[in-house]
PDB file of N, CA and C in Angstrom:
ATOM      1  N   MET A   1      73.431 150.052  41.253  1.00  0.00           N
ATOM      2  CA  MET A   1      73.900 148.850  41.902  1.00  0.00           C
ATOM      3  C   MET A   1      72.921 147.700  41.679  1.00  0.00           C
ATOM      4  N   ASP A   2      72.452 147.538  40.488  1.00  0.00           N
ATOM      5  CA  ASP A   2      71.562 146.424  40.184  1.00  0.00           C
ATOM      6  C   ASP A   2      72.361 145.173  39.893  1.00  0.00           C
ATOM      7  N   ASN A   3      71.748 144.039  40.186  1.00  0.00           N
ATOM      8  CA  ASN A   3      72.297 142.738  39.844  1.00  0.00           C
ATOM      9  C   ASN A   3      73.701 142.498  40.397  1.00  0.00           C
ATOM     10  N   LEU A   4      73.891 142.723  41.667  1.00  0.00           N
ATOM     11  CA  LEU A   4      75.167 142.386  42.291  1.00  0.00           C
ATOM     12  C   LEU A   4      75.137 140.908  42.648  1.00  0.00           C
ATOM     13  N   ILE A   5      76.072 140.155  42.077  1.00  0.00           N
ATOM     14  CA  ILE A   5      76.133 138.713  42.265  1.00  0.00           C
ATOM     15  C   ILE A   5      77.474 138.351  42.898  1.00  0.00           C
ATOM     16  N   LEU A   6      77.439 137.538  43.941  1.00  0.00           N
ATOM     17  CA  LEU A   6      78.644 137.013  44.561  1.00  0.00           C
ATOM     18  C   LEU A   6      78.621 135.494  44.405  1.00  0.00           C
ATOM     19  N   GLU A   7      79.767 134.934  44.010  1.00  0.00           N
ATOM     20  CA  GLU A   7      79.894 133.488  43.916  1.00  0.00           C
ATOM     21  C   GLU A   7      81.016 133.051  44.838  1.00  0.00           C
ATOM     22  N   GLY A   8      80.796 131.945  45.521  1.00  0.00           N
ATOM     23  CA  GLY A   8      81.844 131.456  46.396  1.00  0.00           C
ATOM     24  C   GLY A   8      81.401 130.269  47.207  1.00  0.00           C
ATOM     25  N   LYS A   9      82.241 129.940  48.176  1.00  0.00           N
ATOM     26  CA  LYS A   9      82.028 128.771  49.017  1.00  0.00           C
ATOM     27  C   LYS A   9      81.430 129.198  50.351  1.00  0.00           C
ATOM     28  N   LEU A  10      80.390 128.504  50.776  1.00  0.00           N
ATOM     29  CA  LEU A  10      79.791 128.747  52.081  1.00  0.00           C
ATOM     30  C   LEU A  10      80.771 128.273  53.145  1.00  0.00           C
ATOM     31  N   ILE A  11      81.251 129.196  53.967  1.00  0.00           N
ATOM     32  CA  ILE A  11      82.247 128.887  54.984  1.00  0.00           C
ATOM     33  C   ILE A  11      81.585 128.567  56.320  1.00  0.00           C
ATOM     34  N   GLN A  12      80.634 129.402  56.727  1.00  0.00           N
ATOM     35  CA  GLN A  12      80.046 129.256  58.055  1.00  0.00           C
ATOM     36  C   GLN A  12      78.655 129.868  58.073  1.00  0.00           C
ATOM     37  N   VAL A  13      77.747 129.242  58.816  1.00  0.00           N
ATOM     38  CA  VAL A  13      76.421 129.805  59.071  1.00  0.00           C
ATOM     39  C   VAL A  13      76.407 130.223  60.536  1.00  0.00           C
ATOM     40  N   LEU A  14      76.144 131.502  60.779  1.00  0.00           N
ATOM     41  CA  LEU A  14      76.171 132.030  62.143  1.00  0.00           C
ATOM     42  C   LEU A  14      74.836 131.763  62.839  1.00  0.00           C
ATOM     43  N   ASP A  15      74.801 131.986  64.149  1.00  0.00           N
ATOM     44  CA  ASP A  15      73.595 131.731  64.935  1.00  0.00           C
ATOM     45  C   ASP A  15      72.441 132.622  64.468  1.00  0.00           C
ATOM     46  N   PRO A  16      71.234 132.062  64.407  1.00  0.00           N
ATOM     47  CA  PRO A  16      70.077 132.862  63.984  1.00  0.00           C
ATOM     48  C   PRO A  16      69.705 133.892  65.048  1.00  0.00           C
ATOM     49  N   GLN A  17      69.101 134.963  64.578  1.00  0.00           N
ATOM     50  CA  GLN A  17      68.589 136.006  65.458  1.00  0.00           C
ATOM     51  C   GLN A  17      67.110 136.180  65.132  1.00  0.00           C
ATOM     52  N   SER A  18      66.315 136.522  66.131  1.00  0.00           N
ATOM     53  CA  SER A  18      64.891 136.749  65.879  1.00  0.00           C
ATOM     54  C   SER A  18      64.372 137.771  66.869  1.00  0.00           C
ATOM     55  N   GLY A  19      63.213 138.314  66.543  1.00  0.00           N
ATOM     56  CA  GLY A  19      62.605 139.307  67.409  1.00  0.00           C
ATOM     57  C   GLY A  19      61.255 139.722  66.883  1.00  0.00           C
ATOM     58  N   THR A  20      60.702 140.739  67.511  1.00  0.00           N
ATOM     59  CA  THR A  20      59.407 141.269  67.117  1.00  0.00           C
ATOM     60  C   THR A  20      59.535 142.775  66.977  1.00  0.00           C
ATOM     61  N   SER A  21      59.050 143.293  65.842  1.00  0.00           N
ATOM     62  CA  SER A  21      59.038 144.735  65.605  1.00  0.00           C
ATOM     63  C   SER A  21      57.586 145.184  65.465  1.00  0.00           C
ATOM     64  N   THR A  22      57.402 146.442  65.127  1.00  0.00           N
ATOM     65  CA  THR A  22      56.046 146.949  64.929  1.00  0.00           C
ATOM     66  C   THR A  22      55.368 146.281  63.728  1.00  0.00           C
ATOM     67  N   ARG A  23      56.165 145.720  62.822  1.00  0.00           N
ATOM     68  CA  ARG A  23      55.622 145.022  61.642  1.00  0.00           C
ATOM     69  C   ARG A  23      55.396 143.534  61.897  1.00  0.00           C
ATOM     70  N   GLY A  24      55.801 143.026  63.062  1.00  0.00           N
ATOM     71  CA  GLY A  24      55.606 141.616  63.371  1.00  0.00           C
ATOM     72  C   GLY A  24      56.913 140.909  63.664  1.00  0.00           C
ATOM     73  N   ASP A  25      56.841 139.582  63.687  1.00  0.00           N
ATOM     74  CA  ASP A  25      58.019 138.765  63.980  1.00  0.00           C
ATOM     75  C   ASP A  25      58.998 138.788  62.809  1.00  0.00           C
ATOM     76  N   TRP A  26      60.287 138.693  63.134  1.00  0.00           N
ATOM     77  CA  TRP A  26      61.314 138.648  62.105  1.00  0.00           C
ATOM     78  C   TRP A  26      62.380 137.638  62.494  1.00  0.00           C
ATOM     79  N   LYS A  27      63.089 137.149  61.479  1.00  0.00           N
ATOM     80  CA  LYS A  27      64.202 136.226  61.686  1.00  0.00           C
ATOM     81  C   LYS A  27      65.337 136.658  60.771  1.00  0.00           C
ATOM     82  N   LYS A  28      66.549 136.645  61.309  1.00  0.00           N
ATOM     83  CA  LYS A  28      67.736 137.024  60.542  1.00  0.00           C
ATOM     84  C   LYS A  28      68.783 135.933  60.702  1.00  0.00           C
ATOM     85  N   GLN A  29      69.438 135.577  59.599  1.00  0.00           N
ATOM     86  CA  GLN A  29      70.499 134.564  59.613  1.00  0.00           C
ATOM     87  C   GLN A  29      71.672 135.102  58.812  1.00  0.00           C
ATOM     88  N   ASP A  30      72.834 135.230  59.436  1.00  0.00           N
ATOM     89  CA  ASP A  30      74.048 135.665  58.747  1.00  0.00           C
ATOM     90  C   ASP A  30      74.869 134.441  58.359  1.00  0.00           C
ATOM     91  N   PHE A  31      75.596 134.570  57.241  1.00  0.00           N
ATOM     92  CA  PHE A  31      76.503 133.507  56.837  1.00  0.00           C
ATOM     93  C   PHE A  31      77.730 134.119  56.185  1.00  0.00           C
ATOM     94  N   ILE A  32      78.811 133.338  56.143  1.00  0.00           N
ATOM     95  CA  ILE A  32      80.078 133.799  55.575  1.00  0.00           C
ATOM     96  C   ILE A  32      80.302 133.070  54.262  1.00  0.00           C
ATOM     97  N   LEU A  33      80.536 133.852  53.219  1.00  0.00           N
ATOM     98  CA  LEU A  33      80.827 133.327  51.885  1.00  0.00           C
ATOM     99  C   LEU A  33      82.253 133.732  51.526  1.00  0.00           C
ATOM    100  N   GLU A  34      83.051 132.786  51.035  1.00  0.00           N
ATOM    101  CA  GLU A  34      84.410 133.084  50.577  1.00  0.00           C
ATOM    102  C   GLU A  34      84.393 133.134  49.054  1.00  0.00           C
ATOM    103  N   THR A  35      84.780 134.271  48.493  1.00  0.00           N
ATOM    104  CA  THR A  35      84.730 134.464  47.043  1.00  0.00           C
ATOM    105  C   THR A  35      85.758 133.592  46.331  1.00  0.00           C
ATOM    106  N   THR A  36      85.599 133.474  45.015  1.00  0.00           N
ATOM    107  CA  THR A  36      86.473 132.602  44.218  1.00  0.00           C
ATOM    108  C   THR A  36      87.475 133.400  43.393  1.00  0.00           C
ATOM    109  N   GLU A  37      87.783 134.612  43.809  1.00  0.00           N
ATOM    110  CA  GLU A  37      88.740 135.451  43.087  1.00  0.00           C
ATOM    111  C   GLU A  37      90.160 134.938  43.291  1.00  0.00           C
ATOM    112  N   GLN A  38      91.109 135.575  42.591  1.00  0.00           N
ATOM    113  CA  GLN A  38      92.513 135.208  42.769  1.00  0.00           C
ATOM    114  C   GLN A  38      92.919 135.368  44.235  1.00  0.00           C
ATOM    115  N   TYR A  39      92.459 136.442  44.861  1.00  0.00           N
ATOM    116  CA  TYR A  39      92.696 136.679  46.278  1.00  0.00           C
ATOM    117  C   TYR A  39      91.335 136.613  46.969  1.00  0.00           C
ATOM    118  N   PRO A  40      90.921 135.431  47.433  1.00  0.00           N
ATOM    119  CA  PRO A  40      89.579 135.261  47.998  1.00  0.00           C
ATOM    120  C   PRO A  40      89.331 136.178  49.185  1.00  0.00           C
ATOM    121  N   LYS A  41      88.093 136.639  49.262  1.00  0.00           N
ATOM    122  CA  LYS A  41      87.664 137.499  50.362  1.00  0.00           C
ATOM    123  C   LYS A  41      86.480 136.839  51.050  1.00  0.00           C
ATOM    124  N   LYS A  42      86.401 137.023  52.353  1.00  0.00           N
ATOM    125  CA  LYS A  42      85.260 136.521  53.114  1.00  0.00           C
ATOM    126  C   LYS A  42      84.271 137.663  53.294  1.00  0.00           C
ATOM    127  N   VAL A  43      82.987 137.363  53.031  1.00  0.00           N
ATOM    128  CA  VAL A  43      81.937 138.370  53.093  1.00  0.00           C
ATOM    129  C   VAL A  43      80.824 137.853  53.998  1.00  0.00           C
ATOM    130  N   CYS A  44      80.389 138.686  54.939  1.00  0.00           N
ATOM    131  CA  CYS A  44      79.262 138.345  55.804  1.00  0.00           C
ATOM    132  C   CYS A  44      77.987 138.856  55.139  1.00  0.00           C
ATOM    133  N   ILE A  45      77.059 137.943  54.873  1.00  0.00           N
ATOM    134  CA  ILE A  45      75.815 138.259  54.169  1.00  0.00           C
ATOM    135  C   ILE A  45      74.654 137.906  55.080  1.00  0.00           C
ATOM    136  N   SER A  46      73.606 138.725  55.061  1.00  0.00           N
ATOM    137  CA  SER A  46      72.428 138.498  55.894  1.00  0.00           C
ATOM    138  C   SER A  46      71.263 137.992  55.064  1.00  0.00           C
ATOM    139  N   CYS A  47      70.503 137.075  55.655  1.00  0.00           N
ATOM    140  CA  CYS A  47      69.242 136.592  55.080  1.00  0.00           C
ATOM    141  C   CYS A  47      68.139 136.948  56.064  1.00  0.00           C
ATOM    142  N   TRP A  48      67.003 137.363  55.548  1.00  0.00           N
ATOM    143  CA  TRP A  48      65.886 137.739  56.403  1.00  0.00           C
ATOM    144  C   TRP A  48      64.682 136.851  56.127  1.00  0.00           C
ATOM    145  N   ASN A  49      63.981 136.501  57.181  1.00  0.00           N
ATOM    146  CA  ASN A  49      62.709 135.773  57.151  1.00  0.00           C
ATOM    147  C   ASN A  49      62.764 134.508  56.302  1.00  0.00           C
ATOM    148  N   GLU A  50      62.027 134.440  55.175  1.00  0.00           N
ATOM    149  CA  GLU A  50      61.986 133.196  54.395  1.00  0.00           C
ATOM    150  C   GLU A  50      63.334 132.857  53.775  1.00  0.00           C
ATOM    151  N   LYS A  51      64.172 133.832  53.491  1.00  0.00           N
ATOM    152  CA  LYS A  51      65.512 133.549  52.974  1.00  0.00           C
ATOM    153  C   LYS A  51      66.378 132.904  54.063  1.00  0.00           C
ATOM    154  N   ALA A  52      66.132 133.260  55.322  1.00  0.00           N
ATOM    155  CA  ALA A  52      66.847 132.628  56.430  1.00  0.00           C
ATOM    156  C   ALA A  52      66.482 131.151  56.495  1.00  0.00           C
ATOM    157  N   GLU A  53      65.235 130.825  56.242  1.00  0.00           N
ATOM    158  CA  GLU A  53      64.812 129.420  56.209  1.00  0.00           C
ATOM    159  C   GLU A  53      65.449 128.696  55.023  1.00  0.00           C
ATOM    160  N   GLU A  54      65.530 129.378  53.872  1.00  0.00           N
ATOM    161  CA  GLU A  54      66.115 128.784  52.663  1.00  0.00           C
ATOM    162  C   GLU A  54      67.593 128.439  52.863  1.00  0.00           C
ATOM    163  N   LEU A  55      68.281 129.195  53.696  1.00  0.00           N
ATOM    164  CA  LEU A  55      69.703 128.951  53.955  1.00  0.00           C
ATOM    165  C   LEU A  55      69.929 127.556  54.543  1.00  0.00           C
ATOM    166  N   ASN A  56      68.898 126.996  55.206  1.00  0.00           N
ATOM    167  CA  ASN A  56      69.017 125.652  55.787  1.00  0.00           C
ATOM    168  C   ASN A  56      69.205 124.570  54.722  1.00  0.00           C
ATOM    169  N   ASN A  57      68.953 124.886  53.446  1.00  0.00           N
ATOM    170  CA  ASN A  57      69.130 123.923  52.351  1.00  0.00           C
ATOM    171  C   ASN A  57      70.600 123.725  51.984  1.00  0.00           C
ATOM    172  N   TYR A  58      71.479 124.565  52.504  1.00  0.00           N
ATOM    173  CA  TYR A  58      72.895 124.520  52.131  1.00  0.00           C
ATOM    174  C   TYR A  58      73.742 124.185  53.354  1.00  0.00           C
ATOM    175  N   LYS A  59      74.930 123.629  53.082  1.00  0.00           N
ATOM    176  CA  LYS A  59      75.845 123.273  54.165  1.00  0.00           C
ATOM    177  C   LYS A  59      77.231 123.835  53.852  1.00  0.00           C
ATOM    178  N   PRO A  60      78.103 123.946  54.862  1.00  0.00           N
ATOM    179  CA  PRO A  60      79.455 124.460  54.618  1.00  0.00           C
ATOM    180  C   PRO A  60      80.150 123.693  53.491  1.00  0.00           C
ATOM    181  N   ASN A  61      80.928 124.425  52.720  1.00  0.00           N
ATOM    182  CA  ASN A  61      81.677 123.968  51.538  1.00  0.00           C
ATOM    183  C   ASN A  61      80.827 123.892  50.273  1.00  0.00           C
ATOM    184  N   ASP A  62      79.511 124.151  50.349  1.00  0.00           N
ATOM    185  CA  ASP A  62      78.696 124.234  49.141  1.00  0.00           C
ATOM    186  C   ASP A  62      79.104 125.487  48.368  1.00  0.00           C
ATOM    187  N   MET A  63      79.138 125.369  47.049  1.00  0.00           N
ATOM    188  CA  MET A  63      79.418 126.515  46.188  1.00  0.00           C
ATOM    189  C   MET A  63      78.086 127.185  45.853  1.00  0.00           C
ATOM    190  N   LEU A  64      77.997 128.495  46.107  1.00  0.00           N
ATOM    191  CA  LEU A  64      76.741 129.223  45.955  1.00  0.00           C
ATOM    192  C   LEU A  64      76.892 130.438  45.056  1.00  0.00           C
ATOM    193  N   LYS A  65      75.783 130.826  44.482  1.00  0.00           N
ATOM    194  CA  LYS A  65      75.663 132.063  43.727  1.00  0.00           C
ATOM    195  C   LYS A  65      74.598 132.882  44.450  1.00  0.00           C
ATOM    196  N   ILE A  66      74.987 134.062  44.955  1.00  0.00           N
ATOM    197  CA  ILE A  66      74.120 134.871  45.799  1.00  0.00           C
ATOM    198  C   ILE A  66      73.894 136.233  45.138  1.00  0.00           C
ATOM    199  N   ALA A  67      72.628 136.603  44.943  1.00  0.00           N
ATOM    200  CA  ALA A  67      72.276 137.946  44.482  1.00  0.00           C
ATOM    201  C   ALA A  67      72.040 138.795  45.727  1.00  0.00           C
ATOM    202  N   VAL A  68      72.688 139.951  45.800  1.00  0.00           N
ATOM    203  CA  VAL A  68      72.645 140.767  47.021  1.00  0.00           C
ATOM    204  C   VAL A  68      72.266 142.215  46.722  1.00  0.00           C
ATOM    205  N   ASN A  69      71.755 142.860  47.749  1.00  0.00           N
ATOM    206  CA  ASN A  69      71.579 144.309  47.790  1.00  0.00           C
ATOM    207  C   ASN A  69      72.512 144.834  48.865  1.00  0.00           C
ATOM    208  N   ILE A  70      73.160 145.952  48.585  1.00  0.00           N
ATOM    209  CA  ILE A  70      74.063 146.580  49.561  1.00  0.00           C
ATOM    210  C   ILE A  70      73.466 147.922  49.945  1.00  0.00           C
ATOM    211  N   GLU A  71      73.399 148.152  51.251  1.00  0.00           N
ATOM    212  CA  GLU A  71      72.824 149.404  51.738  1.00  0.00           C
ATOM    213  C   GLU A  71      73.586 149.870  52.964  1.00  0.00           C
ATOM    214  N   SER A  72      73.856 151.165  53.047  1.00  0.00           N
ATOM    215  CA  SER A  72      74.517 151.748  54.219  1.00  0.00           C
ATOM    216  C   SER A  72      73.566 152.721  54.886  1.00  0.00           C
ATOM    217  N   ARG A  73      73.692 152.842  56.208  1.00  0.00           N
ATOM    218  CA  ARG A  73      72.874 153.790  56.949  1.00  0.00           C
ATOM    219  C   ARG A  73      73.711 154.424  58.050  1.00  0.00           C
ATOM    220  N   GLU A  74      73.324 155.598  58.452  1.00  0.00           N
ATOM    221  CA  GLU A  74      74.051 156.338  59.486  1.00  0.00           C
ATOM    222  C   GLU A  74      73.314 156.227  60.812  1.00  0.00           C
ATOM    223  N   TYR A  75      74.069 156.056  61.874  1.00  0.00           N
ATOM    224  CA  TYR A  75      73.524 156.048  63.226  1.00  0.00           C
ATOM    225  C   TYR A  75      74.572 156.657  64.146  1.00  0.00           C
ATOM    226  N   ASN A  76      74.237 157.739  64.801  1.00  0.00           N
ATOM    227  CA  ASN A  76      75.155 158.446  65.716  1.00  0.00           C
ATOM    228  C   ASN A  76      76.479 158.782  65.040  1.00  0.00           C
ATOM    229  N   SER A  77      76.409 159.349  63.858  1.00  0.00           N
ATOM    230  CA  SER A  77      77.573 159.791  63.082  1.00  0.00           C
ATOM    231  C   SER A  77      78.493 158.644  62.660  1.00  0.00           C
ATOM    232  N   ARG A  78      78.009 157.428  62.697  1.00  0.00           N
ATOM    233  CA  ARG A  78      78.769 156.267  62.211  1.00  0.00           C
ATOM    234  C   ARG A  78      77.958 155.597  61.125  1.00  0.00           C
ATOM    235  N   TRP A  79      78.657 154.999  60.167  1.00  0.00           N
ATOM    236  CA  TRP A  79      77.990 154.348  59.039  1.00  0.00           C
ATOM    237  C   TRP A  79      78.087 152.830  59.174  1.00  0.00           C
ATOM    238  N   TYR A  80      76.998 152.166  58.870  1.00  0.00           N
ATOM    239  CA  TYR A  80      76.896 150.710  58.927  1.00  0.00           C
ATOM    240  C   TYR A  80      76.408 150.202  57.572  1.00  0.00           C
ATOM    241  N   THR A  81      77.030 149.151  57.086  1.00  0.00           N
ATOM    242  CA  THR A  81      76.689 148.604  55.775  1.00  0.00           C
ATOM    243  C   THR A  81      76.111 147.197  55.935  1.00  0.00           C
ATOM    244  N   ASP A  82      74.997 146.963  55.256  1.00  0.00           N
ATOM    245  CA  ASP A  82      74.349 145.652  55.240  1.00  0.00           C
ATOM    246  C   ASP A  82      74.439 145.065  53.849  1.00  0.00           C
ATOM    247  N   ILE A  83      74.736 143.779  53.782  1.00  0.00           N
ATOM    248  CA  ILE A  83      74.700 143.034  52.520  1.00  0.00           C
ATOM    249  C   ILE A  83      73.610 141.984  52.702  1.00  0.00           C
ATOM    250  N   LYS A  84      72.503 142.161  51.971  1.00  0.00           N
ATOM    251  CA  LYS A  84      71.334 141.298  52.138  1.00  0.00           C
ATOM    252  C   LYS A  84      71.136 140.426  50.906  1.00  0.00           C
ATOM    253  N   ALA A  85      71.011 139.126  51.144  1.00  0.00           N
ATOM    254  CA  ALA A  85      70.754 138.182  50.049  1.00  0.00           C
ATOM    255  C   ALA A  85      69.277 138.223  49.698  1.00  0.00           C
ATOM    256  N   TRP A  86      68.987 138.305  48.401  1.00  0.00           N
ATOM    257  CA  TRP A  86      67.589 138.221  47.979  1.00  0.00           C
ATOM    258  C   TRP A  86      67.347 137.026  47.054  1.00  0.00           C
ATOM    259  N   LYS A  87      68.436 136.368  46.626  1.00  0.00           N
ATOM    260  CA  LYS A  87      68.303 135.154  45.829  1.00  0.00           C
ATOM    261  C   LYS A  87      69.529 134.293  46.076  1.00  0.00           C
ATOM    262  N   MET A  88      69.316 132.986  46.281  1.00  0.00           N
ATOM    263  CA  MET A  88      70.417 132.053  46.516  1.00  0.00           C
ATOM    264  C   MET A  88      70.212 130.828  45.643  1.00  0.00           C
ATOM    265  N   GLU A  89      71.306 130.331  45.088  1.00  0.00           N
ATOM    266  CA  GLU A  89      71.246 129.072  44.358  1.00  0.00           C
ATOM    267  C   GLU A  89      72.596 128.386  44.413  1.00  0.00           C
ATOM    268  N   ALA A  90      72.551 127.065  44.363  1.00  0.00           N
ATOM    269  CA  ALA A  90      73.787 126.283  44.348  1.00  0.00           C
ATOM    270  C   ALA A  90      74.395 126.376  42.957  1.00  0.00           C
ATOM    271  N   LEU A  91      75.709 126.490  42.906  1.00  0.00           N
ATOM    272  CA  LEU A  91      76.389 126.458  41.612  1.00  0.00           C
ATOM    273  C   LEU A  91      76.405 125.034  41.093  1.00  0.00           C
ATOM    274  N   SER A  92      76.480 124.886  39.807  1.00  0.00           N
ATOM    275  CA  SER A  92      76.472 123.577  39.174  1.00  0.00           C
ATOM    276  C   SER A  92      77.568 122.697  39.740  1.00  0.00           C
ATOM    277  N   SER A  93      77.211 121.485  40.114  1.00  0.00           N
ATOM    278  CA  SER A  93      78.214 120.562  40.657  1.00  0.00           C
ATOM    279  C   SER A  93      79.143 120.066  39.565  1.00  0.00           C
ATOM    280  N   ASP A  94      78.720 120.199  38.276  1.00  0.00           N
ATOM    281  CA  ASP A  94      79.578 119.766  37.173  1.00  0.00           C
ATOM    282  C   ASP A  94      80.875 120.544  37.142  1.00  0.00           C
ATOM    283  N   SER A  95      80.772 121.886  37.292  1.00  0.00           N
ATOM    284  CA  SER A  95      81.988 122.704  37.215  1.00  0.00           C
ATOM    285  C   SER A  95      82.863 122.492  38.433  1.00  0.00           C
ATOM    286  N   SER A  96      82.252 122.325  39.614  1.00  0.00           N
ATOM    287  CA  SER A  96      83.087 122.141  40.799  1.00  0.00           C
ATOM    288  C   SER A  96      83.723 120.759  40.822  1.00  0.00           C
ATOM    289  N   SER A  97      83.005 119.735  40.334  1.00  0.00           N
ATOM    290  CA  SER A  97      83.609 118.407  40.333  1.00  0.00           C
ATOM    291  C   SER A  97      84.720 118.323  39.301  1.00  0.00           C
ATOM    292  N   GLY A  98      84.585 119.080  38.210  1.00  0.00           N
ATOM    293  CA  GLY A  98      85.639 119.089  37.205  1.00  0.00           C
ATOM    294  C   GLY A  98      86.918 119.677  37.745  1.00  0.00           C
ATOM    295  N   SER A  99      86.804 120.753  38.521  1.00  0.00           N
ATOM    296  CA  SER A  99      88.018 121.358  39.053  1.00  0.00           C
ATOM    297  C   SER A  99      88.632 120.482  40.138  1.00  0.00           C
ATOM    298  N   SER A 100      87.809 119.805  40.929  1.00  0.00           N
ATOM    299  CA  SER A 100      88.393 118.952  41.962  1.00  0.00           C
ATOM    300  C   SER A 100      89.046 117.728  41.343  1.00  0.00           C
ATOM    301  N   ALA A 101      88.510 117.264  40.216  1.00  0.00           N
ATOM    302  CA  ALA A 101      89.128 116.119  39.549  1.00  0.00           C
ATOM    303  C   ALA A 101      90.515 116.502  39.043  1.00  0.00           C
ATOM    304  N   LYS A 102      90.656 117.708  38.554  1.00  0.00           N
ATOM    305  CA  LYS A 102      91.964 118.150  38.087  1.00  0.00           C
ATOM    306  C   LYS A 102      92.947 118.222  39.246  1.00  0.00           C
ATOM    307  N   MET A 103      92.468 118.659  40.392  1.00  0.00           N
ATOM    308  CA  MET A 103      93.352 118.801  41.540  1.00  0.00           C
ATOM    309  C   MET A 103      93.803 117.443  42.057  1.00  0.00           C
ATOM    310  N   SER A 104      92.970 116.408  41.894  1.00  0.00           N
ATOM    311  CA  SER A 104      93.338 115.112  42.449  1.00  0.00           C
ATOM    312  C   SER A 104      94.073 114.227  41.444  1.00  0.00           C
ATOM    313  N   ALA A 105      94.345 114.736  40.243  1.00  0.00           N
ATOM    314  CA  ALA A 105      95.054 113.940  39.244  1.00  0.00           C
ATOM    315  C   ALA A 105      96.481 113.678  39.718  1.00  0.00           C
ATOM    316  N   PRO A 106      97.040 112.477  39.436  1.00  0.00           N
ATOM    317  CA  PRO A 106      98.404 112.184  39.879  1.00  0.00           C
ATOM    318  C   PRO A 106      99.420 113.049  39.146  1.00  0.00           C
ATOM    319  N   LEU A 107     100.521 113.288  39.799  1.00  0.00           N
ATOM    320  CA  LEU A 107     101.597 114.068  39.198  1.00  0.00           C
ATOM    321  C   LEU A 107     102.316 113.229  38.154  1.00  0.00           C
ATOM    322  N   ALA A 108     102.884 113.886  37.158  1.00  0.00           N
ATOM    323  CA  ALA A 108     103.611 113.178  36.103  1.00  0.00           C
ATOM    324  C   ALA A 108     104.917 112.624  36.655  1.00  0.00           C
ATOM    325  N   THR A 109     105.289 111.461  36.176  1.00  0.00           N
ATOM    326  CA  THR A 109     106.577 110.865  36.554  1.00  0.00           C
ATOM    327  C   THR A 109     107.564 111.094  35.416  1.00  0.00           C
ATOM    328  N   ASP A 110     108.825 110.743  35.645  1.00  0.00           N
ATOM    329  CA  ASP A 110     109.842 110.895  34.612  1.00  0.00           C
ATOM    330  C   ASP A 110     109.471 110.101  33.359  1.00  0.00           C
ATOM    331  N   ASP A 111     108.843 108.941  33.549  1.00  0.00           N
ATOM    332  CA  ASP A 111     108.478 108.097  32.416  1.00  0.00           C
ATOM    333  C   ASP A 111     107.353 108.707  31.583  1.00  0.00           C
ATOM    334  N   ASP A 112     106.515 109.572  32.204  1.00  0.00           N
ATOM    335  CA  ASP A 112     105.380 110.158  31.490  1.00  0.00           C
ATOM    336  C   ASP A 112     105.819 111.255  30.522  1.00  0.00           C
ATOM    337  N   ILE A 113     106.965 111.849  30.743  1.00  0.00           N
ATOM    338  CA  ILE A 113     107.409 112.978  29.929  1.00  0.00           C
ATOM    339  C   ILE A 113     108.393 112.448  28.898  1.00  0.00           C
ATOM    340  N   THR A 114     108.081 112.649  27.641  1.00  0.00           N
ATOM    341  CA  THR A 114     108.944 112.137  26.574  1.00  0.00           C
ATOM    342  C   THR A 114     109.844 113.238  26.055  1.00  0.00           C
ATOM    343  N   GLY A 115     111.016 112.851  25.616  1.00  0.00           N
ATOM    344  CA  GLY A 115     111.934 113.800  24.998  1.00  0.00           C
ATOM    345  C   GLY A 115     112.782 114.578  25.977  1.00  0.00           C
ATOM    346  N   VAL A 116     112.647 114.342  27.270  1.00  0.00           N
ATOM    347  CA  VAL A 116     113.445 115.061  28.259  1.00  0.00           C
ATOM    348  C   VAL A 116     114.199 114.028  29.083  1.00  0.00           C
ATOM    349  N   ASN A 117     115.502 114.213  29.218  1.00  0.00           N
ATOM    350  CA  ASN A 117     116.333 113.293  29.970  1.00  0.00           C
ATOM    351  C   ASN A 117     116.608 113.898  31.341  1.00  0.00           C
ATOM    352  N   PHE A 118     116.098 113.241  32.391  1.00  0.00           N
ATOM    353  CA  PHE A 118     116.287 113.738  33.740  1.00  0.00           C
ATOM    354  C   PHE A 118     117.453 113.067  34.458  1.00  0.00           C
ATOM    355  N   SER A 119     118.161 112.209  33.776  1.00  0.00           N
ATOM    356  CA  SER A 119     119.273 111.522  34.437  1.00  0.00           C
ATOM    357  C   SER A 119     120.442 112.491  34.614  1.00  0.00           C
ATOM    358  N   ASN A 120     121.312 112.209  35.570  1.00  0.00           N
ATOM    359  CA  ASN A 120     122.456 113.068  35.872  1.00  0.00           C
ATOM    360  C   ASN A 120     123.658 112.577  35.056  1.00  0.00           C
ATOM    361  N   ASP A 121     123.819 113.108  33.848  1.00  0.00           N
ATOM    362  CA  ASP A 121     124.924 112.690  32.971  1.00  0.00           C
ATOM    363  C   ASP A 121     126.229 113.330  33.415  1.00  0.00           C
ATOM    364  N   GLU A 122     127.329 112.616  33.245  1.00  0.00           N
ATOM    365  CA  GLU A 122     128.645 113.147  33.583  1.00  0.00           C
ATOM    366  C   GLU A 122     129.043 114.288  32.639  1.00  0.00           C
ATOM    367  N   GLY A 123     128.521 114.307  31.401  1.00  0.00           N
ATOM    368  CA  GLY A 123     128.897 115.338  30.445  1.00  0.00           C
ATOM    369  C   GLY A 123     128.137 116.647  30.638  1.00  0.00           C
ATOM    370  N   ASP A 124     127.423 116.787  31.699  1.00  0.00           N
ATOM    371  CA  ASP A 124     126.620 117.972  31.985  1.00  0.00           C
ATOM    372  C   ASP A 124     127.558 119.157  32.262  1.00  0.00           C
ATOM    373  N   ASP A 125     127.357 120.329  31.606  1.00  0.00           N
ATOM    374  CA  ASP A 125     128.244 121.445  31.885  1.00  0.00           C
ATOM    375  C   ASP A 125     127.705 122.389  32.947  1.00  0.00           C
ATOM    376  N   LEU A 126     126.657 122.026  33.655  1.00  0.00           N
ATOM    377  CA  LEU A 126     126.181 122.864  34.732  1.00  0.00           C
ATOM    378  C   LEU A 126     127.044 122.652  35.971  1.00  0.00           C
ATOM    379  N   PRO A 127     127.372 123.723  36.711  1.00  0.00           N
ATOM    380  CA  PRO A 127     128.281 123.604  37.852  1.00  0.00           C
ATOM    381  C   PRO A 127     127.650 122.911  39.062  1.00  0.00           C
ATOM    382  N   PHE A 128     126.405 122.542  39.016  1.00  0.00           N
ATOM    383  CA  PHE A 128     125.776 121.898  40.179  1.00  0.00           C
ATOM    384  C   PHE A 128     125.036 120.662  39.796  1.00  0.00           C
TER     385      PHE A 128
END
């Protein structure tokens, strides 16, 4: 399971958690990333300590590329899975701005399409 990379849109940053363990103080920050697949999925990813601080550099709707480790552990005969970010970076704004520009382009009008007659001719043999 090396080099697991998730790309998507930052949907939400959850409330930070902190505490003290035998190894010292710790900070955890969870966030929700929505993937860019045909059927997008929302994934809850955890950041620990300095990565939790790094998450403050991003805001909702930013497109991110996240390198993660996935680990499961058993507790009282139940299994729990953690997805931990170990590297985060913003995706190039060039690719995202290009796709948004395509989405905001005006729709074609009848005059823009050549060679096709959209008028309702009386000689039309269609029943409707």
